[in-house]
Protein backbone atom coordinates (compact mmCIF):
# COMPACT_ATOMS: atom_id res chain seq x y z
CA MET A 1 -45.73 -43.22 -30.32
CA GLN A 2 -42.38 -44.40 -31.63
CA THR A 3 -40.75 -47.67 -30.58
CA THR A 4 -37.26 -48.96 -31.31
CA VAL A 5 -36.41 -52.63 -30.66
CA THR A 6 -32.72 -53.43 -30.13
CA PRO A 7 -31.48 -56.95 -29.33
CA GLN A 8 -28.87 -57.13 -26.56
CA PRO A 9 -26.54 -59.94 -25.35
CA GLN A 10 -27.87 -62.81 -23.18
CA SER A 11 -31.32 -62.79 -24.81
CA ILE A 12 -32.19 -59.28 -23.64
CA VAL A 13 -34.25 -56.93 -25.81
CA SER A 14 -34.15 -53.17 -25.31
CA LEU A 15 -37.39 -51.34 -26.13
CA LYS A 16 -37.07 -47.58 -26.47
CA VAL A 17 -40.48 -45.90 -26.37
CA GLU A 18 -41.23 -42.25 -27.08
CA LEU A 19 -44.58 -40.55 -26.43
CA THR A 20 -45.33 -37.11 -27.83
CA PRO A 21 -46.33 -34.38 -25.37
CA GLU A 22 -49.92 -34.80 -26.55
CA GLU A 23 -49.83 -38.57 -25.96
CA PHE A 24 -48.33 -38.08 -22.50
CA ALA A 25 -50.77 -35.34 -21.38
CA PRO A 26 -53.64 -37.76 -20.42
CA TYR A 27 -51.30 -39.55 -18.00
CA ILE A 28 -50.48 -36.24 -16.29
CA ALA A 29 -54.21 -35.66 -15.82
CA GLN A 30 -54.62 -39.17 -14.39
CA ALA A 31 -51.69 -38.57 -12.03
CA VAL A 32 -53.26 -35.34 -10.72
CA GLN A 33 -56.55 -37.13 -10.08
CA ALA A 34 -54.84 -40.06 -8.35
CA LEU A 35 -52.76 -37.81 -6.09
CA SER A 36 -55.81 -35.67 -5.32
CA SER A 37 -57.49 -38.83 -4.03
CA GLU A 38 -54.52 -39.78 -1.88
CA VAL A 39 -53.85 -36.48 -0.07
CA LYS A 40 -56.24 -34.46 2.09
CA LEU A 41 -57.06 -31.10 0.54
CA ALA A 42 -59.35 -28.80 2.53
CA GLY A 43 -62.52 -27.85 0.69
CA PHE A 44 -62.21 -30.54 -2.02
CA ARG A 45 -63.63 -34.04 -2.31
CA PRO A 46 -61.05 -36.79 -3.01
CA GLY A 47 -60.02 -36.72 -6.67
CA LYS A 48 -61.74 -33.38 -7.41
CA ALA A 49 -59.06 -30.79 -6.60
CA PRO A 50 -57.64 -28.77 -9.54
CA ARG A 51 -54.09 -29.36 -10.65
CA GLU A 52 -52.65 -26.13 -9.24
CA ILE A 53 -53.89 -27.04 -5.74
CA VAL A 54 -52.54 -30.58 -5.98
CA GLU A 55 -49.22 -29.40 -7.38
CA LYS A 56 -48.83 -26.86 -4.57
CA LYS A 57 -49.38 -29.68 -2.05
CA VAL A 58 -47.21 -32.46 -3.52
CA GLY A 59 -44.94 -30.70 -6.00
CA ASN A 60 -44.52 -30.97 -9.77
CA ALA A 61 -41.94 -33.79 -9.51
CA ALA A 62 -44.41 -36.07 -7.72
CA ILE A 63 -47.03 -35.48 -10.42
CA MET A 64 -44.58 -36.21 -13.25
CA GLU A 65 -43.24 -39.36 -11.57
CA GLN A 66 -46.79 -40.63 -11.08
CA ALA A 67 -47.62 -39.82 -14.70
CA ALA A 68 -44.50 -41.65 -15.90
CA ASP A 69 -45.46 -44.74 -13.86
CA LEU A 70 -49.01 -44.71 -15.26
CA ALA A 71 -47.71 -44.30 -18.81
CA VAL A 72 -45.24 -47.18 -18.53
CA ARG A 73 -47.87 -49.48 -17.01
CA SER A 74 -50.24 -48.69 -19.85
CA VAL A 75 -47.88 -48.53 -22.81
CA TYR A 76 -45.36 -51.32 -22.10
CA PRO A 77 -47.80 -54.28 -22.47
CA LYS A 78 -49.08 -52.84 -25.75
CA VAL A 79 -45.57 -52.43 -27.14
CA VAL A 80 -44.63 -56.01 -26.21
CA THR A 81 -47.74 -57.30 -27.99
CA GLU A 82 -47.36 -55.11 -31.07
CA LYS A 83 -43.67 -55.97 -31.51
CA ASN A 84 -44.27 -59.69 -30.76
CA VAL A 85 -41.66 -59.69 -27.99
CA LYS A 86 -41.79 -63.00 -26.09
CA SER A 87 -40.87 -61.43 -22.76
CA ILE A 88 -39.94 -63.29 -19.58
CA GLY A 89 -40.42 -61.76 -16.16
CA SER A 90 -40.58 -58.06 -15.31
CA PRO A 91 -38.79 -55.42 -17.41
CA ASP A 92 -36.00 -53.17 -16.16
CA ILE A 93 -37.38 -49.67 -16.77
CA HIS A 94 -35.22 -46.55 -17.24
CA VAL A 95 -36.87 -43.15 -17.73
CA GLU A 96 -34.68 -41.18 -20.11
CA LYS A 97 -36.69 -37.99 -20.52
CA LEU A 98 -39.43 -36.65 -18.27
CA ALA A 99 -40.27 -32.97 -18.63
CA GLU A 100 -43.66 -31.44 -19.25
CA GLY A 101 -44.08 -30.07 -22.76
CA ASN A 102 -41.44 -32.50 -24.08
CA PRO A 103 -41.66 -36.08 -25.36
CA PHE A 104 -41.70 -38.75 -22.63
CA ILE A 105 -39.01 -41.34 -23.34
CA PHE A 106 -38.32 -44.57 -21.48
CA THR A 107 -36.34 -47.72 -22.13
CA ALA A 108 -37.45 -51.20 -21.09
CA ASN A 109 -34.83 -53.95 -21.00
CA VAL A 110 -36.56 -57.30 -20.88
CA ALA A 111 -35.43 -60.93 -21.07
CA VAL A 112 -36.86 -62.92 -23.97
CA LEU A 113 -36.97 -66.56 -24.91
CA PRO A 114 -33.80 -67.40 -26.85
CA GLU A 115 -34.05 -68.63 -30.41
CA VAL A 116 -33.97 -72.42 -30.77
CA LYS A 117 -32.90 -73.87 -34.12
CA LEU A 118 -33.84 -77.51 -34.37
CA GLY A 119 -31.36 -79.88 -35.95
CA ASP A 120 -31.86 -82.86 -38.23
CA PHE A 121 -33.21 -85.69 -36.08
CA SER A 122 -33.42 -88.25 -38.89
CA ASN A 123 -30.28 -90.04 -37.68
CA LEU A 124 -30.73 -89.53 -33.96
CA LYS A 125 -28.81 -92.16 -31.99
CA ALA A 126 -29.32 -93.46 -28.46
CA GLU A 127 -28.57 -96.96 -27.23
CA ARG A 128 -30.70 -99.02 -24.87
CA LYS A 129 -28.71 -101.10 -22.42
CA PRO A 130 -29.98 -104.55 -21.43
CA VAL A 131 -31.20 -104.92 -17.85
CA GLU A 132 -29.52 -107.88 -16.17
CA LEU A 133 -30.28 -109.21 -12.71
CA LYS A 134 -28.75 -112.20 -10.97
CA ALA A 135 -30.55 -114.37 -8.45
CA ASP A 136 -28.37 -113.14 -5.58
CA HIS A 137 -29.46 -109.53 -6.24
CA ALA A 138 -32.42 -110.25 -3.98
CA ASP A 139 -30.12 -111.07 -1.04
CA ASP A 140 -29.48 -107.44 -0.07
CA THR A 141 -33.23 -106.73 -0.03
CA LEU A 142 -33.87 -109.81 2.07
CA LYS A 143 -31.16 -108.73 4.52
CA ARG A 144 -32.77 -105.29 4.85
CA LEU A 145 -36.17 -106.89 5.48
CA GLN A 146 -34.56 -109.24 7.98
CA ARG A 147 -33.01 -106.32 9.85
CA LEU A 148 -36.37 -104.50 9.95
CA GLN A 149 -37.82 -107.55 11.72
CA ALA A 150 -34.89 -107.88 14.11
CA SER A 151 -35.21 -107.60 17.87
CA GLU A 152 -32.66 -105.88 20.09
CA VAL A 153 -31.69 -106.94 23.60
CA ARG A 154 -29.39 -104.83 25.75
CA ALA A 155 -26.14 -106.70 26.25
CA ASP A 156 -23.75 -106.59 29.21
CA ARG A 157 -20.65 -107.56 27.27
CA PRO A 158 -18.08 -106.07 24.87
CA ALA A 159 -19.45 -105.00 21.50
CA LYS A 160 -19.00 -107.29 18.52
CA MET A 161 -19.70 -107.04 14.80
CA GLY A 162 -23.45 -107.11 14.16
CA ASP A 163 -24.29 -105.36 17.45
CA ARG A 164 -25.98 -102.00 17.60
CA VAL A 165 -24.22 -99.52 19.84
CA ASP A 166 -24.97 -96.00 21.02
CA VAL A 167 -21.80 -93.96 20.85
CA ASP A 168 -20.63 -90.44 21.73
CA PHE A 169 -17.78 -89.10 19.63
CA ASN A 170 -15.66 -86.01 19.10
CA VAL A 171 -13.47 -85.49 16.04
CA SER A 172 -10.60 -83.03 15.80
CA ILE A 173 -7.82 -82.28 13.32
CA ASP A 174 -4.56 -80.83 14.60
CA LYS A 175 -6.25 -80.48 18.01
CA VAL A 176 -8.97 -78.25 16.50
CA PRO A 177 -12.56 -79.60 16.92
CA LEU A 178 -14.08 -80.45 13.57
CA ASP A 179 -17.20 -78.43 12.77
CA GLY A 180 -20.09 -80.90 12.97
CA GLY A 181 -17.78 -83.64 14.29
CA GLN A 182 -19.46 -84.03 17.67
CA ALA A 183 -22.45 -86.21 18.55
CA LYS A 184 -24.04 -88.00 21.49
CA ASN A 185 -25.90 -91.31 21.66
CA THR A 186 -25.52 -91.91 17.95
CA PRO A 187 -26.99 -95.32 17.03
CA LEU A 188 -24.65 -97.42 14.90
CA THR A 189 -24.79 -101.03 13.76
CA LEU A 190 -21.28 -102.44 13.61
CA GLY A 191 -20.63 -103.81 10.17
CA ASP A 192 -22.92 -101.45 8.26
CA LYS A 193 -19.88 -99.39 7.23
CA VAL A 194 -21.65 -96.05 7.41
CA PHE A 195 -18.68 -94.29 9.03
CA ILE A 196 -15.21 -93.89 7.52
CA PRO A 197 -13.17 -97.10 7.23
CA GLY A 198 -11.75 -98.23 10.57
CA PHE A 199 -14.22 -96.38 12.82
CA GLU A 200 -16.51 -99.34 13.47
CA ASP A 201 -13.56 -101.72 13.84
CA ASN A 202 -12.28 -99.58 16.73
CA LEU A 203 -15.59 -99.99 18.57
CA VAL A 204 -15.42 -103.78 18.54
CA GLY A 205 -14.51 -105.02 22.03
CA MET A 206 -15.57 -101.84 23.83
CA LYS A 207 -17.87 -102.03 26.86
CA VAL A 208 -20.55 -99.65 28.10
CA ASP A 209 -19.05 -96.39 29.48
CA GLU A 210 -15.65 -97.29 28.09
CA GLU A 211 -13.75 -94.47 26.37
CA LYS A 212 -11.16 -94.75 23.65
CA THR A 213 -9.07 -92.48 21.42
CA PHE A 214 -7.64 -93.37 18.04
CA GLN A 215 -6.58 -91.83 14.74
CA LEU A 216 -8.01 -92.41 11.28
CA THR A 217 -7.39 -90.87 7.88
CA PHE A 218 -10.35 -89.64 5.86
CA PRO A 219 -10.58 -91.39 2.48
CA LYS A 220 -9.23 -89.55 -0.56
CA ASP A 221 -12.71 -89.71 -2.14
CA TYR A 222 -14.52 -88.48 1.00
CA GLY A 223 -17.61 -86.36 0.33
CA LYS A 224 -16.16 -83.20 1.89
CA LYS A 225 -13.16 -82.16 -0.17
CA ASP A 226 -11.55 -80.23 2.68
CA LEU A 227 -11.31 -83.47 4.71
CA GLN A 228 -10.00 -85.76 1.98
CA GLY A 229 -6.80 -87.47 3.10
CA LYS A 230 -6.72 -85.64 6.45
CA LEU A 231 -5.55 -87.42 9.62
CA ALA A 232 -8.11 -86.97 12.41
CA ASP A 233 -8.23 -87.73 16.14
CA PHE A 234 -11.33 -89.55 17.39
CA LYS A 235 -12.48 -89.70 20.99
CA VAL A 236 -15.37 -92.12 21.53
CA LYS A 237 -17.48 -93.44 24.38
CA VAL A 238 -19.92 -96.35 24.14
CA SER A 239 -23.10 -95.67 26.13
CA ALA A 240 -25.05 -98.82 25.21
CA VAL A 241 -24.56 -102.20 23.49
CA TYR A 242 -27.47 -104.14 21.97
CA ASP A 243 -27.44 -107.71 20.74
CA VAL A 244 -29.27 -107.74 17.39
CA GLN A 245 -31.25 -110.95 16.98
CA LEU A 246 -32.19 -111.54 13.34
CA PRO A 247 -35.15 -113.76 12.42
CA ALA A 248 -34.51 -116.81 10.27
CA LEU A 249 -35.09 -116.36 6.54
CA ASP A 250 -37.62 -119.18 6.25
CA ASP A 251 -41.21 -119.70 5.07
CA ALA A 252 -42.57 -118.27 8.33
CA PHE A 253 -40.62 -115.08 7.64
CA ALA A 254 -42.05 -114.92 4.09
CA LYS A 255 -45.61 -115.22 5.43
CA ARG A 256 -45.03 -112.27 7.76
CA MET A 257 -44.04 -110.16 4.75
CA GLY A 258 -47.46 -110.40 3.08
CA GLN A 259 -49.30 -112.72 0.72
CA PHE A 260 -46.51 -115.24 0.38
CA GLU A 261 -46.64 -118.93 1.17
CA ASN A 262 -42.92 -119.51 1.17
CA MET A 263 -39.49 -117.95 0.61
CA GLU A 264 -39.54 -118.90 -3.05
CA GLN A 265 -42.58 -116.66 -3.64
CA LEU A 266 -41.08 -113.80 -1.62
CA ARG A 267 -37.78 -113.99 -3.47
CA ALA A 268 -39.60 -114.10 -6.84
CA LYS A 269 -41.57 -110.95 -5.93
CA ILE A 270 -38.41 -109.16 -4.82
CA MET A 271 -36.73 -110.02 -8.13
CA GLU A 272 -39.79 -108.78 -10.01
CA ASN A 273 -39.67 -105.45 -8.16
CA LEU A 274 -35.92 -105.11 -8.63
CA LYS A 275 -36.27 -105.75 -12.35
CA GLU A 276 -39.03 -103.16 -12.66
CA GLU A 277 -36.90 -100.59 -10.80
CA ALA A 278 -33.88 -101.36 -12.98
CA GLU A 279 -35.96 -101.07 -16.16
CA ASN A 280 -37.36 -97.71 -15.00
CA ARG A 281 -33.83 -96.43 -14.30
CA GLU A 282 -32.66 -97.58 -17.71
CA GLN A 283 -35.67 -95.97 -19.39
CA GLN A 284 -34.89 -92.68 -17.66
CA ARG A 285 -31.23 -92.93 -18.70
CA PHE A 286 -32.23 -93.75 -22.29
CA GLU A 287 -34.66 -90.82 -22.48
CA GLN A 288 -32.04 -88.47 -21.09
CA ALA A 289 -29.55 -89.73 -23.69
CA ILE A 290 -32.07 -89.12 -26.49
CA VAL A 291 -32.78 -85.58 -25.32
CA GLU A 292 -29.06 -84.80 -24.98
CA ALA A 293 -28.48 -86.17 -28.51
CA ALA A 294 -31.27 -83.93 -29.83
CA LEU A 295 -29.79 -80.94 -27.97
CA GLN A 296 -26.36 -81.56 -29.50
CA LYS A 297 -27.91 -81.44 -32.97
CA SER A 298 -29.76 -78.20 -32.21
CA THR A 299 -28.74 -74.66 -31.35
CA VAL A 300 -30.13 -72.74 -28.39
CA GLY A 301 -29.40 -69.04 -28.07
CA GLU A 302 -28.04 -67.39 -24.94
CA VAL A 303 -30.22 -68.31 -21.97
CA PRO A 304 -31.47 -65.29 -19.95
CA HIS A 305 -30.12 -65.08 -16.42
CA ILE A 306 -33.67 -64.88 -15.04
CA LEU A 307 -34.41 -68.41 -16.32
CA VAL A 308 -31.13 -69.83 -15.03
CA HIS A 309 -31.63 -68.21 -11.63
CA SER A 310 -35.16 -69.60 -11.43
CA GLU A 311 -33.90 -73.10 -12.23
CA GLU A 312 -31.09 -72.79 -9.66
CA ASP A 313 -33.66 -71.88 -7.03
CA LYS A 314 -35.81 -74.83 -8.07
CA MET A 315 -32.86 -77.23 -7.79
CA VAL A 316 -32.03 -76.00 -4.28
CA HIS A 317 -35.67 -76.48 -3.27
CA GLU A 318 -35.56 -80.03 -4.68
CA LEU A 319 -32.45 -80.79 -2.62
CA GLN A 320 -33.98 -79.25 0.50
CA HIS A 321 -37.13 -81.33 0.06
CA ALA A 322 -35.10 -84.53 -0.35
CA ILE A 323 -33.07 -83.82 2.81
CA GLU A 324 -36.16 -83.01 4.86
CA GLN A 325 -37.94 -86.12 3.52
CA ASP A 326 -35.09 -88.16 4.99
CA GLY A 327 -35.58 -86.45 8.35
CA GLY A 328 -32.67 -84.02 8.06
CA LYS A 329 -32.51 -80.24 8.32
CA PHE A 330 -31.42 -78.16 5.36
CA GLU A 331 -29.69 -75.62 7.61
CA ASP A 332 -27.56 -78.43 9.10
CA TYR A 333 -26.67 -79.61 5.59
CA LEU A 334 -25.50 -76.12 4.62
CA LYS A 335 -23.37 -75.97 7.75
CA SER A 336 -21.86 -79.37 7.01
CA ILE A 337 -20.72 -78.27 3.53
CA LYS A 338 -19.77 -74.79 4.80
CA LYS A 339 -21.80 -72.99 2.16
CA THR A 340 -24.62 -70.46 2.09
CA ARG A 341 -27.77 -71.05 0.11
CA GLU A 342 -26.54 -68.53 -2.48
CA GLU A 343 -23.17 -70.28 -2.83
CA LEU A 344 -24.94 -73.60 -3.32
CA MET A 345 -27.17 -72.07 -5.99
CA HIS A 346 -24.06 -70.81 -7.79
CA GLU A 347 -22.70 -74.37 -7.89
CA PHE A 348 -25.88 -75.41 -9.73
CA THR A 349 -25.51 -72.74 -12.44
CA LYS A 350 -24.08 -74.95 -15.19
CA LYS A 351 -26.58 -77.75 -14.61
CA ALA A 352 -29.44 -75.25 -14.30
CA GLU A 353 -28.54 -73.71 -17.66
CA GLN A 354 -28.53 -77.18 -19.23
CA ARG A 355 -31.97 -77.95 -17.78
CA VAL A 356 -33.34 -74.68 -19.15
CA LYS A 357 -31.96 -75.46 -22.60
CA VAL A 358 -33.57 -78.90 -22.51
CA ALA A 359 -36.93 -77.39 -21.51
CA LEU A 360 -36.73 -74.85 -24.35
CA LEU A 361 -35.75 -77.57 -26.82
CA LEU A 362 -38.65 -79.84 -25.82
CA ARG A 363 -41.12 -76.96 -26.08
CA THR A 364 -39.82 -75.96 -29.53
CA ILE A 365 -40.03 -79.55 -30.80
CA ALA A 366 -43.57 -79.78 -29.45
CA ASP A 367 -44.63 -76.56 -31.18
CA ALA A 368 -43.00 -77.53 -34.47
CA ASN A 369 -44.47 -81.04 -34.60
CA ASN A 370 -47.94 -80.58 -33.09
CA LEU A 371 -47.02 -82.51 -29.95
CA LEU A 372 -48.51 -80.17 -27.34
CA ALA A 373 -50.72 -81.99 -24.83
CA THR A 374 -54.38 -81.64 -25.75
CA PRO A 375 -57.12 -80.67 -23.27
CA ALA A 376 -58.46 -84.23 -23.60
CA GLU A 377 -55.07 -85.69 -22.60
CA VAL A 378 -54.87 -83.38 -19.58
CA GLU A 379 -58.41 -84.17 -18.42
CA GLY A 380 -57.84 -87.88 -18.96
CA GLU A 381 -54.75 -87.82 -16.74
CA ILE A 382 -56.61 -85.84 -14.08
CA SER A 383 -59.40 -88.44 -14.10
CA LYS A 384 -56.84 -91.19 -13.47
CA GLU A 385 -55.34 -89.20 -10.59
CA LYS A 386 -58.78 -88.65 -9.08
CA LEU A 387 -59.35 -92.40 -8.97
CA ARG A 388 -55.95 -93.00 -7.42
CA LEU A 389 -56.43 -90.26 -4.80
CA SER A 390 -60.14 -90.79 -4.17
CA ASN A 391 -59.71 -90.82 -0.37
CA GLN A 392 -57.37 -87.81 -0.12
CA GLN A 393 -59.57 -84.72 -0.22
CA GLU A 394 -56.78 -82.12 0.02
CA LEU A 395 -54.90 -83.62 -2.93
CA LEU A 396 -58.13 -83.87 -4.92
CA LYS A 397 -58.61 -80.11 -4.53
CA GLU A 398 -55.08 -79.56 -5.85
CA LEU A 399 -55.97 -81.45 -9.04
CA GLU A 400 -58.56 -78.80 -9.90
CA THR A 401 -56.16 -75.84 -9.76
CA GLU A 402 -54.95 -74.17 -12.94
CA ALA A 403 -51.37 -74.39 -11.65
CA TYR A 404 -51.62 -78.20 -11.55
CA ARG A 405 -53.15 -78.25 -15.03
CA ASP A 406 -50.24 -76.17 -16.34
CA TYR A 407 -47.78 -78.56 -14.69
CA LEU A 408 -49.57 -81.59 -16.09
CA ARG A 409 -49.75 -80.03 -19.55
CA MET A 410 -45.96 -79.57 -19.49
CA VAL A 411 -45.33 -83.15 -18.26
CA LEU A 412 -47.60 -84.68 -20.91
CA THR A 413 -46.13 -82.51 -23.66
CA ASN A 414 -42.61 -83.58 -22.69
CA ARG A 415 -43.78 -87.19 -22.69
CA ASN A 416 -45.13 -86.75 -26.21
CA VAL A 417 -41.86 -85.20 -27.39
CA ILE A 418 -39.69 -87.92 -25.84
CA LYS A 419 -41.89 -90.59 -27.43
CA TRP A 420 -41.51 -88.82 -30.79
CA LEU A 421 -37.73 -88.60 -30.40
CA THR A 422 -37.60 -92.27 -29.35
CA GLU A 423 -39.46 -93.27 -32.49
CA LYS A 424 -37.01 -91.17 -34.50
CA ALA A 425 -34.05 -92.92 -32.89
CA GLU A 426 -35.61 -96.34 -33.48
CA GLY A 427 -36.70 -95.55 -37.03
CA LYS A 428 -40.42 -95.90 -36.29
CA THR A 429 -41.57 -92.56 -37.70
CA SER A 430 -41.01 -90.62 -40.89
CA LYS A 431 -42.09 -87.22 -39.48
């Protein structure tokens, strides 16, 4: 058997494999036996008919194609191992020569992990930003808690700021109905500023069953680019007005929120939580900055399309999960942005490629510096999760799967690498 390995662009390797007629002959025999088992041949038990009978039934081409398939399935994994090709995904197989009595030749084009050349991390730089919170940062949280405890009473009067209203609306531009610009009985609290500027102001003073038309211009930074700066016609009808009665922010309110004796304790706990959240966000930003600094100092070869495509798909799934977690429908989201799933994936290409490069970089650093998560680290983390999820049987079963162990191994390895890079940036290690 002869094998030629030829690197191609975009981290593709072409493997040209040639089997002599003698090496290919056993696969022809296997093909005859397999086809003899699949077709009914009078007077013969499955798999026992001679070649001439089988060939008369199915034809020589079918036998040779089956033999080629068997040969590729057998030979390709051996070639990849012998040539130390770090393949990704399934190969693209092309049969170049298939004729009995001649060498069997096929080419396998397969994606491989790109080469990663690590840079000098001795002067890695990343700056931590101080986390600052003011006392009034707790006010917004208190207002949200206050609103959650509010009561609503239907009001027989014109709507005012602070009221909740149910509203029907239709939006059109140049007398053409806007796709997705129609809704009925939409709940809206006047003053929350969730609609474009001016919309809620136009509802103030309206009574139940009253209709109104007005024009507004979409902001220049509006989320949908095709609507930015466009003048639109709005037709609205208020179907209900509710007076929102907010509870007083006093010690009694604090006691209803949990183990708090007074507002001072509640406010202190809110500030503690806000600080922890802010510190976590800053830590994530800092870690991302460190990784990006390490990536800039390193060189990653061309990333195979198969890896980028896989990451694009993962990013779309993440977005879909987030939308559905908030109670939305992914199909409605796609309609609202006027894109197909494939078009959305294409928008993620650049970011997906960056994420793949980061993953390859972290793995290479881990391999080069003995930072791979150990079995003990993985089992220790699983033990912690078992304690945390002790009453959730379905999730406990998930912890025992090999897929979860692989995921956890990757997470812990990345954690080890980021810690190592952090120590480099802060001058705490000489490795």
